Amino acid sequence: MVSVSKECGKCGKYYSGNANGKEIICPGCGNETIQVSAEKWPFDVCPHCDCNQFYRRKDFNQLLGCLIIIVGALFVPFTYGLSLVVVLLADLILYRRVAELMVCYKCGTEFRGFGTIPEGVELFDHHFGELYEN
């Protein structure tokens, strides 16, 4: 499924929808919209803010990943460290199976399910992140 999601710059509510060319309106305030067409993929600039800087990351909840590591670390005294091996294997399996998404540095819009991410879109770079930080 091709979808786009973003945190509203006005009210802070996270919203998403299908990228079928229709407007996706923030349900919190109704003041912000995203309009993306999957037919125009790959695009050179963000359809929301016209920024040309993107990064890629795994489409996985980072809090859940941290929770898995914490649970593995808590069980270390009882498993003599084997829980860390289980966490490592689980992380490896998740890393290989979870798809990537593309994120705009400037507005934070996330693009999922568009297919292969274009060449040149690298992992998050803190230097670019600081340039676009509000």
Protein backbone atom coordinates (compact mmCIF):
# COMPACT_ATOMS: atom_id res chain seq x y z
CA MET A 1 0.00 0.00 0.00
CA VAL A 2 1.31 3.43 -0.98
CA SER A 3 0.82 5.86 1.89
CA VAL A 4 2.00 9.19 3.23
CA SER A 5 2.05 10.30 6.86
CA LYS A 6 3.11 13.40 8.75
CA GLU A 7 2.85 15.24 12.05
CA CYS A 8 0.79 18.40 11.65
CA GLY A 9 2.84 21.56 12.04
CA LYS A 10 -0.12 23.44 13.52
CA CYS A 11 -1.74 21.08 16.07
CA GLY A 12 0.89 18.31 16.39
CA LYS A 13 -1.49 15.44 15.49
CA TYR A 14 -0.03 12.60 13.43
CA TYR A 15 -2.09 11.84 10.34
CA SER A 16 -1.78 9.61 7.26
CA GLY A 17 -3.56 8.39 4.18
CA ASN A 18 -3.25 6.70 0.79
CA ALA A 19 -1.23 8.44 -1.89
CA ASN A 20 -3.85 8.35 -4.60
CA GLY A 21 -3.74 11.99 -5.68
CA LYS A 22 -6.45 13.13 -3.24
CA GLU A 23 -5.78 15.57 -0.43
CA ILE A 24 -5.07 14.12 3.01
CA ILE A 25 -6.33 16.62 5.57
CA CYS A 26 -5.20 16.82 9.21
CA PRO A 27 -8.10 15.56 11.33
CA GLY A 28 -7.00 17.62 14.33
CA CYS A 29 -7.19 21.13 12.93
CA GLY A 30 -7.99 20.76 9.23
CA ASN A 31 -5.43 23.44 8.37
CA GLU A 32 -2.72 21.22 6.87
CA THR A 33 -3.00 18.99 3.82
CA ILE A 34 -0.78 16.59 1.88
CA GLN A 35 -1.41 15.71 -1.76
CA VAL A 36 0.79 13.02 -3.28
CA SER A 37 0.27 10.95 -6.39
CA ALA A 38 1.92 7.53 -6.62
CA GLU A 39 2.15 7.93 -10.40
CA LYS A 40 4.69 10.74 -10.02
CA TRP A 41 7.14 8.52 -8.09
CA PRO A 42 10.09 8.97 -7.80
CA PHE A 43 9.88 12.69 -7.16
CA ASP A 44 12.79 15.11 -6.86
CA VAL A 45 11.20 17.42 -4.29
CA CYS A 46 8.82 16.82 -1.41
CA PRO A 47 5.22 17.31 -2.59
CA HIS A 48 4.39 19.01 0.72
CA CYS A 49 7.23 21.52 1.24
CA ASP A 50 9.34 21.47 -1.98
CA CYS A 51 12.48 20.35 -0.09
CA ASN A 52 14.88 18.18 -2.10
CA GLN A 53 16.59 16.45 0.85
CA PHE A 54 15.35 13.00 1.94
CA TYR A 55 16.64 10.17 4.10
CA ARG A 56 15.72 6.51 4.43
CA ARG A 57 14.99 4.51 7.56
CA LYS A 58 13.30 1.28 8.59
CA ASP A 59 9.53 1.43 9.02
CA PHE A 60 9.60 0.12 12.59
CA ASN A 61 8.46 1.64 15.88
CA GLN A 62 11.67 2.72 17.62
CA LEU A 63 10.07 2.58 21.08
CA LEU A 64 9.15 -1.06 20.53
CA GLY A 65 12.74 -1.78 19.46
CA CYS A 66 14.08 -0.18 22.64
CA LEU A 67 11.58 -2.14 24.73
CA ILE A 68 12.79 -5.43 23.20
CA ILE A 69 16.40 -4.56 24.08
CA ILE A 70 15.48 -3.54 27.64
CA VAL A 71 13.58 -6.79 28.22
CA GLY A 72 16.57 -8.76 26.90
CA ALA A 73 18.91 -6.83 29.20
CA LEU A 74 16.67 -7.39 32.23
CA PHE A 75 16.79 -11.15 31.69
CA VAL A 76 20.62 -11.28 31.48
CA PRO A 77 21.15 -12.33 35.15
CA PHE A 78 18.64 -15.19 34.81
CA THR A 79 19.75 -16.44 31.38
CA TYR A 80 23.51 -15.93 31.78
CA GLY A 81 23.51 -13.59 28.79
CA LEU A 82 21.61 -15.87 26.41
CA SER A 83 18.71 -13.41 26.32
CA LEU A 84 21.01 -10.98 24.50
CA VAL A 85 21.64 -13.60 21.82
CA VAL A 86 17.87 -14.06 21.42
CA VAL A 87 17.43 -10.28 21.15
CA LEU A 88 20.24 -10.13 18.57
CA LEU A 89 18.58 -12.84 16.45
CA ALA A 90 15.16 -11.18 16.75
CA ASP A 91 16.69 -7.86 15.72
CA LEU A 92 18.41 -9.44 12.73
CA ILE A 93 15.18 -11.08 11.56
CA LEU A 94 13.21 -7.84 11.98
CA TYR A 95 15.90 -5.81 10.20
CA ARG A 96 15.75 -8.05 7.14
CA ARG A 97 11.94 -8.23 6.98
CA VAL A 98 10.88 -4.66 7.77
CA ALA A 99 10.56 -2.37 4.75
CA GLU A 100 12.19 1.02 4.42
CA LEU A 101 10.49 4.37 4.11
CA MET A 102 11.64 7.75 2.85
CA VAL A 103 11.39 10.88 5.03
CA CYS A 104 11.70 14.56 4.12
CA TYR A 105 14.28 16.39 6.25
CA LYS A 106 12.38 19.68 6.28
CA CYS A 107 8.76 18.74 7.05
CA GLY A 108 9.12 15.13 8.23
CA THR A 109 6.63 13.69 5.73
CA GLU A 110 7.03 9.89 5.51
CA PHE A 111 6.55 8.06 2.20
CA ARG A 112 5.78 4.30 2.44
CA GLY A 113 5.20 1.59 -0.13
CA PHE A 114 6.35 3.51 -3.17
CA GLY A 115 8.71 0.73 -4.21
CA THR A 116 12.46 1.01 -4.50
CA ILE A 117 13.83 4.12 -2.84
CA PRO A 118 15.83 6.16 -5.39
CA GLU A 119 19.62 6.01 -5.48
CA GLY A 120 21.25 8.80 -3.53
CA VAL A 121 18.77 8.74 -0.65
CA GLU A 122 21.02 7.82 2.27
CA LEU A 123 20.46 7.06 5.95
CA PHE A 124 19.79 9.98 8.32
CA ASP A 125 22.64 12.50 8.39
CA HIS A 126 22.79 14.60 11.57
CA HIS A 127 24.37 17.51 9.69
CA PHE A 128 21.37 17.78 7.33
CA GLY A 129 19.02 17.20 10.27
CA GLU A 130 20.49 20.21 12.12
CA LEU A 131 20.18 22.39 9.04
CA TYR A 132 16.43 21.76 8.87
CA GLU A 133 15.77 21.78 12.64
CA ASN A 134 13.23 24.41 13.68
